[in-house]
Amino acid sequence: MRGRDIVLAIGGAATAIWIEGAQPAKAHAVLSESTPREAQIVSGPDLEVGLRFNCRIDARRSRLLLISPDMHGTVLPLLESEAADQLRAVLTALRHGAYRLHWQVLSVDGHITRGDISFRVGR
C-alpha cells in the first residue's frame, strides 16, 4: 500500500503541474482608459496625455507617436509614471485640427500591442 500511495502522490503532483502549465497565457495589454478619449474634442495648445492598460507594461520598450493634422509624426518623450500600467506624455503647441495618437506597448507577458486614439483640438 505504501508504494501505491507514493505512486498516487507523484501522479497527483504531475497532474497538478500539467494543469497549471496548461493555463492560458496572460492577456495582452489592452487599453482600459485614456486622456484624451477616442473622438474627444480638447482645447489646446497644451495637453497631458495618459493611457492606462489592463496589466503592467514595460514603459522603456513602449512608445507614443503623435500624428498631426499635416500627417507629420513625432515620437513623444514619456513622463515617468508611478503606475506600472500607464504611459504619460505632455503635448505642447497643438493647433486646431485632427490628431492621432498611436501607442505601442510591451506587456509583461512579452507581447506587443498597438492602437490609435483620434482626437481633435477645437476652440
PDB file of N, CA and C in Angstrom:
ATOM      1  N   MET A   1       0.828  -1.198   0.000  1.00  0.00           N
ATOM      2  CA  MET A   1       0.000   0.000   0.000  1.00  0.00           C
ATOM      3  C   MET A   1       0.868   1.255   0.000  1.00  0.00           C
ATOM      4  N   ARG A   2       1.933   1.205   0.713  1.00  0.00           N
ATOM      5  CA  ARG A   2       2.767   2.383   0.826  1.00  0.00           C
ATOM      6  C   ARG A   2       3.342   2.788  -0.545  1.00  0.00           C
ATOM      7  N   GLY A   3       3.789   1.823  -1.339  1.00  0.00           N
ATOM      8  CA  GLY A   3       4.295   2.114  -2.674  1.00  0.00           C
ATOM      9  C   GLY A   3       3.204   2.674  -3.575  1.00  0.00           C
ATOM     10  N   ARG A   4       1.988   2.150  -3.410  1.00  0.00           N
ATOM     11  CA  ARG A   4       0.861   2.666  -4.213  1.00  0.00           C
ATOM     12  C   ARG A   4       0.552   4.112  -3.846  1.00  0.00           C
ATOM     13  N   ASP A   5       0.625   4.454  -2.565  1.00  0.00           N
ATOM     14  CA  ASP A   5       0.380   5.836  -2.133  1.00  0.00           C
ATOM     15  C   ASP A   5       1.413   6.795  -2.737  1.00  0.00           C
ATOM     16  N   ILE A   6       2.649   6.339  -2.770  1.00  0.00           N
ATOM     17  CA  ILE A   6       3.704   7.187  -3.351  1.00  0.00           C
ATOM     18  C   ILE A   6       3.441   7.400  -4.835  1.00  0.00           C
ATOM     19  N   VAL A   7       3.066   6.336  -5.531  1.00  0.00           N
ATOM     20  CA  VAL A   7       2.767   6.459  -6.960  1.00  0.00           C
ATOM     21  C   VAL A   7       1.588   7.401  -7.174  1.00  0.00           C
ATOM     22  N   LEU A   8       0.561   7.297  -6.351  1.00  0.00           N
ATOM     23  CA  LEU A   8      -0.600   8.196  -6.483  1.00  0.00           C
ATOM     24  C   LEU A   8      -0.210   9.639  -6.186  1.00  0.00           C
ATOM     25  N   ALA A   9       0.633   9.826  -5.169  1.00  0.00           N
ATOM     26  CA  ALA A   9       1.069  11.187  -4.830  1.00  0.00           C
ATOM     27  C   ALA A   9       1.867  11.804  -5.977  1.00  0.00           C
ATOM     28  N   ILE A  10       2.760  11.030  -6.561  1.00  0.00           N
ATOM     29  CA  ILE A  10       3.557  11.530  -7.688  1.00  0.00           C
ATOM     30  C   ILE A  10       2.653  11.809  -8.887  1.00  0.00           C
ATOM     31  N   GLY A  11       1.710  10.903  -9.127  1.00  0.00           N
ATOM     32  CA  GLY A  11       0.774  11.111 -10.236  1.00  0.00           C
ATOM     33  C   GLY A  11      -0.079  12.353 -10.021  1.00  0.00           C
ATOM     34  N   GLY A  12      -0.525  12.566  -8.781  1.00  0.00           N
ATOM     35  CA  GLY A  12      -1.322  13.766  -8.471  1.00  0.00           C
ATOM     36  C   GLY A  12      -0.512  15.032  -8.653  1.00  0.00           C
ATOM     37  N   ALA A  13       0.745  15.010  -8.206  1.00  0.00           N
ATOM     38  CA  ALA A  13       1.605  16.188  -8.362  1.00  0.00           C
ATOM     39  C   ALA A  13       1.871  16.475  -9.834  1.00  0.00           C
ATOM     40  N   ALA A  14       2.131  15.416 -10.602  1.00  0.00           N
ATOM     41  CA  ALA A  14       2.375  15.604 -12.037  1.00  0.00           C
ATOM     42  C   ALA A  14       1.137  16.163 -12.734  1.00  0.00           C
ATOM     43  N   THR A  15      -0.040  15.684 -12.344  1.00  0.00           N
ATOM     44  CA  THR A  15      -1.282  16.206 -12.926  1.00  0.00           C
ATOM     45  C   THR A  15      -1.476  17.672 -12.584  1.00  0.00           C
ATOM     46  N   ALA A  16      -1.198  18.025 -11.318  1.00  0.00           N
ATOM     47  CA  ALA A  16      -1.340  19.431 -10.909  1.00  0.00           C
ATOM     48  C   ALA A  16      -0.391  20.324 -11.691  1.00  0.00           C
ATOM     49  N   ILE A  17       0.843  19.874 -11.877  1.00  0.00           N
ATOM     50  CA  ILE A  17       1.819  20.663 -12.644  1.00  0.00           C
ATOM     51  C   ILE A  17       1.365  20.775 -14.096  1.00  0.00           C
ATOM     52  N   TRP A  18       0.850  19.694 -14.656  1.00  0.00           N
ATOM     53  CA  TRP A  18       0.390  19.728 -16.042  1.00  0.00           C
ATOM     54  C   TRP A  18      -0.786  20.694 -16.195  1.00  0.00           C
ATOM     55  N   ILE A  19      -1.738  20.651 -15.263  1.00  0.00           N
ATOM     56  CA  ILE A  19      -2.901  21.546 -15.335  1.00  0.00           C
ATOM     57  C   ILE A  19      -2.465  22.993 -15.183  1.00  0.00           C
ATOM     58  N   GLU A  20      -1.561  23.256 -14.252  1.00  0.00           N
ATOM     59  CA  GLU A  20      -1.079  24.633 -14.058  1.00  0.00           C
ATOM     60  C   GLU A  20      -0.373  25.127 -15.312  1.00  0.00           C
ATOM     61  N   GLY A  21       0.405  24.276 -15.933  1.00  0.00           N
ATOM     62  CA  GLY A  21       1.118  24.664 -17.144  1.00  0.00           C
ATOM     63  C   GLY A  21       0.206  24.840 -18.328  1.00  0.00           C
ATOM     64  N   ALA A  22      -0.975  24.251 -18.277  1.00  0.00           N
ATOM     65  CA  ALA A  22      -1.917  24.342 -19.388  1.00  0.00           C
ATOM     66  C   ALA A  22      -2.810  25.572 -19.300  1.00  0.00           C
ATOM     67  N   GLN A  23      -2.621  26.408 -18.286  1.00  0.00           N
ATOM     68  CA  GLN A  23      -3.423  27.617 -18.169  1.00  0.00           C
ATOM     69  C   GLN A  23      -3.169  28.517 -19.379  1.00  0.00           C
ATOM     70  N   PRO A  24      -4.180  29.224 -19.855  1.00  0.00           N
ATOM     71  CA  PRO A  24      -3.974  30.111 -20.995  1.00  0.00           C
ATOM     72  C   PRO A  24      -2.991  31.227 -20.641  1.00  0.00           C
ATOM     73  N   ALA A  25      -2.297  31.719 -21.672  1.00  0.00           N
ATOM     74  CA  ALA A  25      -1.351  32.812 -21.464  1.00  0.00           C
ATOM     75  C   ALA A  25      -2.084  34.032 -20.938  1.00  0.00           C
ATOM     76  N   LYS A  26      -1.379  34.814 -20.154  1.00  0.00           N
ATOM     77  CA  LYS A  26      -1.993  36.032 -19.635  1.00  0.00           C
ATOM     78  C   LYS A  26      -2.345  36.940 -20.805  1.00  0.00           C
ATOM     79  N   ALA A  27      -3.357  37.747 -20.583  1.00  0.00           N
ATOM     80  CA  ALA A  27      -3.864  38.606 -21.648  1.00  0.00           C
ATOM     81  C   ALA A  27      -2.825  39.636 -22.064  1.00  0.00           C
ATOM     82  N   HIS A  28      -2.894  40.035 -23.296  1.00  0.00           N
ATOM     83  CA  HIS A  28      -2.060  41.119 -23.784  1.00  0.00           C
ATOM     84  C   HIS A  28      -2.551  42.419 -23.171  1.00  0.00           C
ATOM     85  N   ALA A  29      -1.718  43.441 -23.278  1.00  0.00           N
ATOM     86  CA  ALA A  29      -2.108  44.747 -22.748  1.00  0.00           C
ATOM     87  C   ALA A  29      -3.257  45.306 -23.581  1.00  0.00           C
ATOM     88  N   VAL A  30      -4.317  45.642 -22.909  1.00  0.00           N
ATOM     89  CA  VAL A  30      -5.491  46.231 -23.541  1.00  0.00           C
ATOM     90  C   VAL A  30      -5.695  47.607 -22.934  1.00  0.00           C
ATOM     91  N   LEU A  31      -5.908  48.594 -23.780  1.00  0.00           N
ATOM     92  CA  LEU A  31      -6.132  49.949 -23.293  1.00  0.00           C
ATOM     93  C   LEU A  31      -7.448  49.998 -22.530  1.00  0.00           C
ATOM     94  N   SER A  32      -7.404  50.437 -21.280  1.00  0.00           N
ATOM     95  CA  SER A  32      -8.623  50.473 -20.477  1.00  0.00           C
ATOM     96  C   SER A  32      -9.160  51.895 -20.308  1.00  0.00           C
ATOM     97  N   GLU A  33      -8.306  52.896 -20.355  1.00  0.00           N
ATOM     98  CA  GLU A  33      -8.788  54.282 -20.315  1.00  0.00           C
ATOM     99  C   GLU A  33      -7.712  55.193 -20.876  1.00  0.00           C
ATOM    100  N   SER A  34      -8.150  56.349 -21.364  1.00  0.00           N
ATOM    101  CA  SER A  34      -7.181  57.281 -21.937  1.00  0.00           C
ATOM    102  C   SER A  34      -7.657  58.709 -21.799  1.00  0.00           C
ATOM    103  N   THR A  35      -6.684  59.596 -21.765  1.00  0.00           N
ATOM    104  CA  THR A  35      -6.915  61.034 -21.862  1.00  0.00           C
ATOM    105  C   THR A  35      -5.995  61.532 -22.952  1.00  0.00           C
ATOM    106  N   PRO A  36      -6.509  61.988 -24.060  1.00  0.00           N
ATOM    107  CA  PRO A  36      -7.916  62.168 -24.393  1.00  0.00           C
ATOM    108  C   PRO A  36      -8.570  60.839 -24.761  1.00  0.00           C
ATOM    109  N   ARG A  37      -9.891  60.839 -24.737  1.00  0.00           N
ATOM    110  CA  ARG A  37     -10.649  59.670 -25.163  1.00  0.00           C
ATOM    111  C   ARG A  37     -10.800  59.693 -26.685  1.00  0.00           C
ATOM    112  N   GLU A  38     -11.169  58.555 -27.249  1.00  0.00           N
ATOM    113  CA  GLU A  38     -11.409  58.463 -28.690  1.00  0.00           C
ATOM    114  C   GLU A  38     -12.475  59.480 -29.095  1.00  0.00           C
ATOM    115  N   ALA A  39     -12.191  60.254 -30.142  1.00  0.00           N
ATOM    116  CA  ALA A  39     -13.104  61.240 -30.741  1.00  0.00           C
ATOM    117  C   ALA A  39     -13.392  62.431 -29.835  1.00  0.00           C
ATOM    118  N   GLN A  40     -12.622  62.612 -28.790  1.00  0.00           N
ATOM    119  CA  GLN A  40     -12.832  63.746 -27.894  1.00  0.00           C
ATOM    120  C   GLN A  40     -12.334  65.038 -28.547  1.00  0.00           C
ATOM    121  N   ILE A  41     -13.013  66.122 -28.283  1.00  0.00           N
ATOM    122  CA  ILE A  41     -12.561  67.444 -28.707  1.00  0.00           C
ATOM    123  C   ILE A  41     -11.960  68.120 -27.489  1.00  0.00           C
ATOM    124  N   VAL A  42     -10.696  68.495 -27.591  1.00  0.00           N
ATOM    125  CA  VAL A  42      -9.978  69.088 -26.463  1.00  0.00           C
ATOM    126  C   VAL A  42      -9.589  70.512 -26.833  1.00  0.00           C
ATOM    127  N   SER A  43      -9.240  71.279 -25.817  1.00  0.00           N
ATOM    128  CA  SER A  43      -8.736  72.625 -26.075  1.00  0.00           C
ATOM    129  C   SER A  43      -7.218  72.591 -25.926  1.00  0.00           C
ATOM    130  N   GLY A  44      -6.554  73.312 -26.738  1.00  0.00           N
ATOM    131  CA  GLY A  44      -5.098  73.358 -26.695  1.00  0.00           C
ATOM    132  C   GLY A  44      -4.632  74.623 -26.016  1.00  0.00           C
ATOM    133  N   PRO A  45      -3.441  74.996 -26.149  1.00  0.00           N
ATOM    134  CA  PRO A  45      -2.442  74.351 -27.001  1.00  0.00           C
ATOM    135  C   PRO A  45      -1.673  73.232 -26.293  1.00  0.00           C
ATOM    136  N   ASP A  46      -1.836  73.093 -24.965  1.00  0.00           N
ATOM    137  CA  ASP A  46      -1.096  72.054 -24.253  1.00  0.00           C
ATOM    138  C   ASP A  46      -2.068  71.014 -23.691  1.00  0.00           C
ATOM    139  N   LEU A  47      -1.609  69.788 -23.622  1.00  0.00           N
ATOM    140  CA  LEU A  47      -2.473  68.704 -23.166  1.00  0.00           C
ATOM    141  C   LEU A  47      -1.617  67.598 -22.564  1.00  0.00           C
ATOM    142  N   GLU A  48      -2.013  67.128 -21.381  1.00  0.00           N
ATOM    143  CA  GLU A  48      -1.342  65.972 -20.799  1.00  0.00           C
ATOM    144  C   GLU A  48      -2.065  64.711 -21.256  1.00  0.00           C
ATOM    145  N   VAL A  49      -1.295  63.775 -21.762  1.00  0.00           N
ATOM    146  CA  VAL A  49      -1.830  62.521 -22.275  1.00  0.00           C
ATOM    147  C   VAL A  49      -1.585  61.423 -21.249  1.00  0.00           C
ATOM    148  N   GLY A  50      -2.583  60.598 -21.018  1.00  0.00           N
ATOM    149  CA  GLY A  50      -2.433  59.459 -20.111  1.00  0.00           C
ATOM    150  C   GLY A  50      -3.153  58.246 -20.660  1.00  0.00           C
ATOM    151  N   LEU A  51      -2.465  57.129 -20.738  1.00  0.00           N
ATOM    152  CA  LEU A  51      -3.065  55.875 -21.203  1.00  0.00           C
ATOM    153  C   LEU A  51      -2.868  54.831 -20.113  1.00  0.00           C
ATOM    154  N   ARG A  52      -3.945  54.151 -19.766  1.00  0.00           N
ATOM    155  CA  ARG A  52      -3.874  53.109 -18.740  1.00  0.00           C
ATOM    156  C   ARG A  52      -4.285  51.779 -19.370  1.00  0.00           C
ATOM    157  N   PHE A  53      -3.545  50.735 -19.024  1.00  0.00           N
ATOM    158  CA  PHE A  53      -3.777  49.413 -19.603  1.00  0.00           C
ATOM    159  C   PHE A  53      -4.257  48.434 -18.538  1.00  0.00           C
ATOM    160  N   ASN A  54      -4.716  47.278 -18.981  1.00  0.00           N
ATOM    161  CA  ASN A  54      -5.288  46.293 -18.062  1.00  0.00           C
ATOM    162  C   ASN A  54      -4.228  45.476 -17.328  1.00  0.00           C
ATOM    163  N   CYS A  55      -2.945  45.714 -17.645  1.00  0.00           N
ATOM    164  CA  CYS A  55      -1.876  44.970 -16.979  1.00  0.00           C
ATOM    165  C   CYS A  55      -0.605  45.813 -16.986  1.00  0.00           C
ATOM    166  N   ARG A  56       0.394  45.311 -16.302  1.00  0.00           N
ATOM    167  CA  ARG A  56       1.671  46.031 -16.255  1.00  0.00           C
ATOM    168  C   ARG A  56       2.300  46.031 -17.646  1.00  0.00           C
ATOM    169  N   ILE A  57       2.982  47.111 -17.948  1.00  0.00           N
ATOM    170  CA  ILE A  57       3.674  47.229 -19.233  1.00  0.00           C
ATOM    171  C   ILE A  57       5.125  47.613 -18.973  1.00  0.00           C
ATOM    172  N   ASP A  58       5.956  47.403 -19.968  1.00  0.00           N
ATOM    173  CA  ASP A  58       7.353  47.821 -19.899  1.00  0.00           C
ATOM    174  C   ASP A  58       7.439  49.183 -20.590  1.00  0.00           C
ATOM    175  N   ALA A  59       7.424  50.233 -19.808  1.00  0.00           N
ATOM    176  CA  ALA A  59       7.395  51.587 -20.373  1.00  0.00           C
ATOM    177  C   ALA A  59       8.665  51.899 -21.163  1.00  0.00           C
ATOM    178  N   ARG A  60       9.779  51.270 -20.790  1.00  0.00           N
ATOM    179  CA  ARG A  60      11.026  51.543 -21.508  1.00  0.00           C
ATOM    180  C   ARG A  60      10.972  51.009 -22.936  1.00  0.00           C
ATOM    181  N   ARG A  61      10.155  50.038 -23.177  1.00  0.00           N
ATOM    182  CA  ARG A  61      10.043  49.438 -24.509  1.00  0.00           C
ATOM    183  C   ARG A  61       8.691  49.754 -25.146  1.00  0.00           C
ATOM    184  N   SER A  62       8.064  50.805 -24.675  1.00  0.00           N
ATOM    185  CA  SER A  62       6.776  51.239 -25.208  1.00  0.00           C
ATOM    186  C   SER A  62       6.936  52.653 -25.744  1.00  0.00           C
ATOM    187  N   ARG A  63       5.977  53.071 -26.592  1.00  0.00           N
ATOM    188  CA  ARG A  63       6.123  54.421 -27.133  1.00  0.00           C
ATOM    189  C   ARG A  63       4.788  55.013 -27.533  1.00  0.00           C
ATOM    190  N   LEU A  64       4.813  56.337 -27.640  1.00  0.00           N
ATOM    191  CA  LEU A  64       3.672  57.115 -28.123  1.00  0.00           C
ATOM    192  C   LEU A  64       4.140  57.944 -29.299  1.00  0.00           C
ATOM    193  N   LEU A  65       3.314  57.979 -30.336  1.00  0.00           N
ATOM    194  CA  LEU A  65       3.619  58.758 -31.532  1.00  0.00           C
ATOM    195  C   LEU A  65       2.430  59.656 -31.811  1.00  0.00           C
ATOM    196  N   LEU A  66       2.671  60.953 -31.943  1.00  0.00           N
ATOM    197  CA  LEU A  66       1.611  61.899 -32.267  1.00  0.00           C
ATOM    198  C   LEU A  66       1.661  62.194 -33.758  1.00  0.00           C
ATOM    199  N   ILE A  67       0.525  62.010 -34.428  1.00  0.00           N
ATOM    200  CA  ILE A  67       0.419  62.321 -35.854  1.00  0.00           C
ATOM    201  C   ILE A  67      -0.450  63.558 -35.976  1.00  0.00           C
ATOM    202  N   SER A  68       0.137  64.622 -36.492  1.00  0.00           N
ATOM    203  CA  SER A  68      -0.517  65.930 -36.545  1.00  0.00           C
ATOM    204  C   SER A  68      -1.465  66.029 -37.745  1.00  0.00           C
ATOM    205  N   PRO A  69      -2.243  67.110 -37.837  1.00  0.00           N
ATOM    206  CA  PRO A  69      -3.177  67.263 -38.961  1.00  0.00           C
ATOM    207  C   PRO A  69      -2.476  67.234 -40.328  1.00  0.00           C
ATOM    208  N   ASP A  70      -1.204  67.636 -40.392  1.00  0.00           N
ATOM    209  CA  ASP A  70      -0.477  67.589 -41.664  1.00  0.00           C
ATOM    210  C   ASP A  70       0.243  66.249 -41.862  1.00  0.00           C
ATOM    211  N   MET A  71      -0.134  65.233 -41.056  1.00  0.00           N
ATOM    212  CA  MET A  71       0.373  63.860 -41.150  1.00  0.00           C
ATOM    213  C   MET A  71       1.844  63.722 -40.765  1.00  0.00           C
ATOM    214  N   HIS A  72       2.355  64.668 -40.020  1.00  0.00           N
ATOM    215  CA  HIS A  72       3.723  64.595 -39.518  1.00  0.00           C
ATOM    216  C   HIS A  72       3.711  63.818 -38.204  1.00  0.00           C
ATOM    217  N   GLY A  73       4.599  62.845 -38.072  1.00  0.00           N
ATOM    218  CA  GLY A  73       4.659  62.033 -36.851  1.00  0.00           C
ATOM    219  C   GLY A  73       5.802  62.454 -35.950  1.00  0.00           C
ATOM    220  N   THR A  74       5.510  62.524 -34.655  1.00  0.00           N
ATOM    221  CA  THR A  74       6.511  62.898 -33.663  1.00  0.00           C
ATOM    222  C   THR A  74       6.479  61.877 -32.520  1.00  0.00           C
ATOM    223  N   VAL A  75       7.625  61.276 -32.240  1.00  0.00           N
ATOM    224  CA  VAL A  75       7.715  60.372 -31.091  1.00  0.00           C
ATOM    225  C   VAL A  75       7.733  61.224 -29.833  1.00  0.00           C
ATOM    226  N   LEU A  76       6.860  60.908 -28.903  1.00  0.00           N
ATOM    227  CA  LEU A  76       6.712  61.710 -27.690  1.00  0.00           C
ATOM    228  C   LEU A  76       7.616  61.183 -26.580  1.00  0.00           C
ATOM    229  N   PRO A  77       8.325  62.086 -25.924  1.00  0.00           N
ATOM    230  CA  PRO A  77       9.069  61.640 -24.737  1.00  0.00           C
ATOM    231  C   PRO A  77       8.079  61.288 -23.635  1.00  0.00           C
ATOM    232  N   LEU A  78       8.300  60.143 -23.000  1.00  0.00           N
ATOM    233  CA  LEU A  78       7.387  59.684 -21.956  1.00  0.00           C
ATOM    234  C   LEU A  78       7.785  60.259 -20.609  1.00  0.00           C
ATOM    235  N   LEU A  79       6.774  60.608 -19.832  1.00  0.00           N
ATOM    236  CA  LEU A  79       6.996  61.052 -18.467  1.00  0.00           C
ATOM    237  C   LEU A  79       7.111  59.813 -17.575  1.00  0.00           C
ATOM    238  N   GLU A  80       7.828  59.958 -16.491  1.00  0.00           N
ATOM    239  CA  GLU A  80       7.878  58.860 -15.530  1.00  0.00           C
ATOM    240  C   GLU A  80       6.517  58.701 -14.896  1.00  0.00           C
ATOM    241  N   SER A  81       6.124  57.482 -14.717  1.00  0.00           N
ATOM    242  CA  SER A  81       4.832  57.208 -14.132  1.00  0.00           C
ATOM    243  C   SER A  81       5.011  56.324 -12.907  1.00  0.00           C
ATOM    244  N   GLU A  82       4.229  56.609 -11.871  1.00  0.00           N
ATOM    245  CA  GLU A  82       4.295  55.779 -10.669  1.00  0.00           C
ATOM    246  C   GLU A  82       3.561  54.461 -10.882  1.00  0.00           C
ATOM    247  N   ALA A  83       2.600  54.465 -11.789  1.00  0.00           N
ATOM    248  CA  ALA A  83       1.824  53.259 -12.049  1.00  0.00           C
ATOM    249  C   ALA A  83       2.505  52.430 -13.133  1.00  0.00           C
ATOM    250  N   ALA A  84       2.577  51.125 -12.938  1.00  0.00           N
ATOM    251  CA  ALA A  84       3.243  50.232 -13.881  1.00  0.00           C
ATOM    252  C   ALA A  84       2.361  49.870 -15.069  1.00  0.00           C
ATOM    253  N   ASP A  85       1.142  50.404 -15.098  1.00  0.00           N
ATOM    254  CA  ASP A  85       0.228  50.091 -16.202  1.00  0.00           C
ATOM    255  C   ASP A  85      -0.128  51.342 -16.995  1.00  0.00           C
ATOM    256  N   GLN A  86       0.729  52.341 -16.957  1.00  0.00           N
ATOM    257  CA  GLN A  86       0.361  53.639 -17.521  1.00  0.00           C
ATOM    258  C   GLN A  86       1.494  54.250 -18.336  1.00  0.00           C
ATOM    259  N   LEU A  87       1.107  54.964 -19.417  1.00  0.00           N
ATOM    260  CA  LEU A  87       2.029  55.808 -20.184  1.00  0.00           C
ATOM    261  C   LEU A  87       1.532  57.228 -20.090  1.00  0.00           C
ATOM    262  N   ARG A  88       2.463  58.164 -19.948  1.00  0.00           N
ATOM    263  CA  ARG A  88       2.085  59.578 -19.856  1.00  0.00           C
ATOM    264  C   ARG A  88       3.038  60.411 -20.702  1.00  0.00           C
ATOM    265  N   ALA A  89       2.504  61.500 -21.257  1.00  0.00           N
ATOM    266  CA  ALA A  89       3.316  62.442 -22.031  1.00  0.00           C
ATOM    267  C   ALA A  89       2.597  63.784 -22.025  1.00  0.00           C
ATOM    268  N   VAL A  90       3.318  64.812 -22.400  1.00  0.00           N
ATOM    269  CA  VAL A  90       2.735  66.149 -22.498  1.00  0.00           C
ATOM    270  C   VAL A  90       2.844  66.617 -23.938  1.00  0.00           C
ATOM    271  N   LEU A  91       1.724  67.077 -24.470  1.00  0.00           N
ATOM    272  CA  LEU A  91       1.700  67.645 -25.818  1.00  0.00           C
ATOM    273  C   LEU A  91       1.690  69.156 -25.677  1.00  0.00           C
ATOM    274  N   THR A  92       2.503  69.816 -26.486  1.00  0.00           N
ATOM    275  CA  THR A  92       2.559  71.276 -26.426  1.00  0.00           C
ATOM    276  C   THR A  92       2.374  71.851 -27.822  1.00  0.00           C
ATOM    277  N   ALA A  93       1.977  73.094 -27.856  1.00  0.00           N
ATOM    278  CA  ALA A  93       1.834  73.852 -29.109  1.00  0.00           C
ATOM    279  C   ALA A  93       0.899  73.169 -30.107  1.00  0.00           C
ATOM    280  N   LEU A  94      -0.184  72.577 -29.601  1.00  0.00           N
ATOM    281  CA  LEU A  94      -1.159  71.960 -30.504  1.00  0.00           C
ATOM    282  C   LEU A  94      -1.945  73.039 -31.222  1.00  0.00           C
ATOM    283  N   ARG A  95      -2.170  72.826 -32.509  1.00  0.00           N
ATOM    284  CA  ARG A  95      -3.009  73.725 -33.300  1.00  0.00           C
ATOM    285  C   ARG A  95      -4.376  73.086 -33.476  1.00  0.00           C
ATOM    286  N   HIS A  96      -5.300  73.827 -33.983  1.00  0.00           N
ATOM    287  CA  HIS A  96      -6.630  73.281 -34.255  1.00  0.00           C
ATOM    288  C   HIS A  96      -6.517  72.210 -35.325  1.00  0.00           C
ATOM    289  N   GLY A  97      -7.320  71.163 -35.190  1.00  0.00           N
ATOM    290  CA  GLY A  97      -7.322  70.117 -36.207  1.00  0.00           C
ATOM    291  C   GLY A  97      -7.415  68.732 -35.612  1.00  0.00           C
ATOM    292  N   ALA A  98      -7.338  67.758 -36.507  1.00  0.00           N
ATOM    293  CA  ALA A  98      -7.472  66.346 -36.126  1.00  0.00           C
ATOM    294  C   ALA A  98      -6.100  65.726 -35.901  1.00  0.00           C
ATOM    295  N   TYR A  99      -5.969  65.043 -34.775  1.00  0.00           N
ATOM    296  CA  TYR A  99      -4.723  64.382 -34.404  1.00  0.00           C
ATOM    297  C   TYR A  99      -4.989  62.903 -34.190  1.00  0.00           C
ATOM    298  N   ARG A 100      -3.919  62.137 -34.266  1.00  0.00           N
ATOM    299  CA  ARG A 100      -3.994  60.716 -33.940  1.00  0.00           C
ATOM    300  C   ARG A 100      -2.825  60.386 -33.023  1.00  0.00           C
ATOM    301  N   LEU A 101      -3.129  59.712 -31.952  1.00  0.00           N
ATOM    302  CA  LEU A 101      -2.115  59.269 -31.007  1.00  0.00           C
ATOM    303  C   LEU A 101      -1.938  57.766 -31.201  1.00  0.00           C
ATOM    304  N   HIS A 102      -0.793  57.361 -31.703  1.00  0.00           N
ATOM    305  CA  HIS A 102      -0.513  55.939 -31.933  1.00  0.00           C
ATOM    306  C   HIS A 102       0.294  55.422 -30.750  1.00  0.00           C
ATOM    307  N   TRP A 103      -0.171  54.358 -30.128  1.00  0.00           N
ATOM    308  CA  TRP A 103       0.559  53.775 -28.997  1.00  0.00           C
ATOM    309  C   TRP A 103       1.003  52.365 -29.324  1.00  0.00           C
ATOM    310  N   GLN A 104       2.118  52.008 -28.755  1.00  0.00           N
ATOM    311  CA  GLN A 104       2.647  50.651 -28.866  1.00  0.00           C
ATOM    312  C   GLN A 104       3.245  50.300 -27.519  1.00  0.00           C
ATOM    313  N   VAL A 105       2.785  49.219 -26.929  1.00  0.00           N
ATOM    314  CA  VAL A 105       3.280  48.841 -25.605  1.00  0.00           C
ATOM    315  C   VAL A 105       3.735  47.383 -25.601  1.00  0.00           C
ATOM    316  N   LEU A 106       4.690  47.122 -24.746  1.00  0.00           N
ATOM    317  CA  LEU A 106       5.142  45.757 -24.487  1.00  0.00           C
ATOM    318  C   LEU A 106       4.610  45.370 -23.120  1.00  0.00           C
ATOM    319  N   SER A 107       3.758  44.366 -23.090  1.00  0.00           N
ATOM    320  CA  SER A 107       3.220  43.928 -21.801  1.00  0.00           C
ATOM    321  C   SER A 107       4.209  42.981 -21.138  1.00  0.00           C
ATOM    322  N   VAL A 108       4.001  42.734 -19.871  1.00  0.00           N
ATOM    323  CA  VAL A 108       4.940  41.882 -19.143  1.00  0.00           C
ATOM    324  C   VAL A 108       4.878  40.433 -19.609  1.00  0.00           C
ATOM    325  N   ASP A 109       3.839  40.056 -20.361  1.00  0.00           N
ATOM    326  CA  ASP A 109       3.796  38.697 -20.910  1.00  0.00           C
ATOM    327  C   ASP A 109       4.634  38.589 -22.185  1.00  0.00           C
ATOM    328  N   GLY A 110       5.258  39.708 -22.593  1.00  0.00           N
ATOM    329  CA  GLY A 110       6.172  39.699 -23.724  1.00  0.00           C
ATOM    330  C   GLY A 110       5.546  39.992 -25.070  1.00  0.00           C
ATOM    331  N   HIS A 111       4.281  40.342 -25.086  1.00  0.00           N
ATOM    332  CA  HIS A 111       3.605  40.630 -26.343  1.00  0.00           C
ATOM    333  C   HIS A 111       3.449  42.130 -26.564  1.00  0.00           C
ATOM    334  N   ILE A 112       3.573  42.530 -27.810  1.00  0.00           N
ATOM    335  CA  ILE A 112       3.399  43.925 -28.196  1.00  0.00           C
ATOM    336  C   ILE A 112       1.973  44.121 -28.684  1.00  0.00           C
ATOM    337  N   THR A 113       1.340  45.168 -28.218  1.00  0.00           N
ATOM    338  CA  THR A 113       0.031  45.544 -28.738  1.00  0.00           C
ATOM    339  C   THR A 113       0.098  46.999 -29.181  1.00  0.00           C
ATOM    340  N   ARG A 114      -0.752  47.328 -30.143  1.00  0.00           N
ATOM    341  CA  ARG A 114      -0.750  48.676 -30.724  1.00  0.00           C
ATOM    342  C   ARG A 114      -2.184  49.175 -30.850  1.00  0.00           C
ATOM    343  N   GLY A 115      -2.300  50.495 -30.944  1.00  0.00           N
ATOM    344  CA  GLY A 115      -3.614  51.065 -31.160  1.00  0.00           C
ATOM    345  C   GLY A 115      -3.513  52.544 -31.455  1.00  0.00           C
ATOM    346  N   ASP A 116      -4.643  53.132 -31.751  1.00  0.00           N
ATOM    347  CA  ASP A 116      -4.704  54.558 -32.074  1.00  0.00           C
ATOM    348  C   ASP A 116      -5.857  55.210 -31.332  1.00  0.00           C
ATOM    349  N   ILE A 117      -5.660  56.474 -31.008  1.00  0.00           N
ATOM    350  CA  ILE A 117      -6.707  57.303 -30.421  1.00  0.00           C
ATOM    351  C   ILE A 117      -6.773  58.565 -31.272  1.00  0.00           C
ATOM    352  N   SER A 118      -7.915  58.797 -31.861  1.00  0.00           N
ATOM    353  CA  SER A 118      -8.107  60.010 -32.657  1.00  0.00           C
ATOM    354  C   SER A 118      -8.804  61.051 -31.799  1.00  0.00           C
ATOM    355  N   PHE A 119      -8.349  62.279 -31.908  1.00  0.00           N
ATOM    356  CA  PHE A 119      -8.992  63.372 -31.176  1.00  0.00           C
ATOM    357  C   PHE A 119      -8.808  64.657 -31.961  1.00  0.00           C
ATOM    358  N   ARG A 120      -9.552  65.665 -31.573  1.00  0.00           N
ATOM    359  CA  ARG A 120      -9.468  66.961 -32.259  1.00  0.00           C
ATOM    360  C   ARG A 120      -9.148  68.044 -31.247  1.00  0.00           C
ATOM    361  N   VAL A 121      -8.406  69.018 -31.713  1.00  0.00           N
ATOM    362  CA  VAL A 121      -8.190  70.224 -30.918  1.00  0.00           C
ATOM    363  C   VAL A 121      -9.138  71.261 -31.482  1.00  0.00           C
ATOM    364  N   GLY A 122     -10.043  71.708 -30.628  1.00  0.00           N
ATOM    365  CA  GLY A 122     -11.034  72.686 -31.050  1.00  0.00           C
ATOM    366  C   GLY A 122     -10.812  74.006 -30.357  1.00  0.00           C
ATOM    367  N   ARG A 123     -11.830  74.779 -30.345  1.00  0.00           N
ATOM    368  CA  ARG A 123     -11.727  76.108 -29.715  1.00  0.00           C
ATOM    369  C   ARG A 123     -12.041  76.047 -28.251  1.00  0.00           C
TER     370      ARG A 123
END
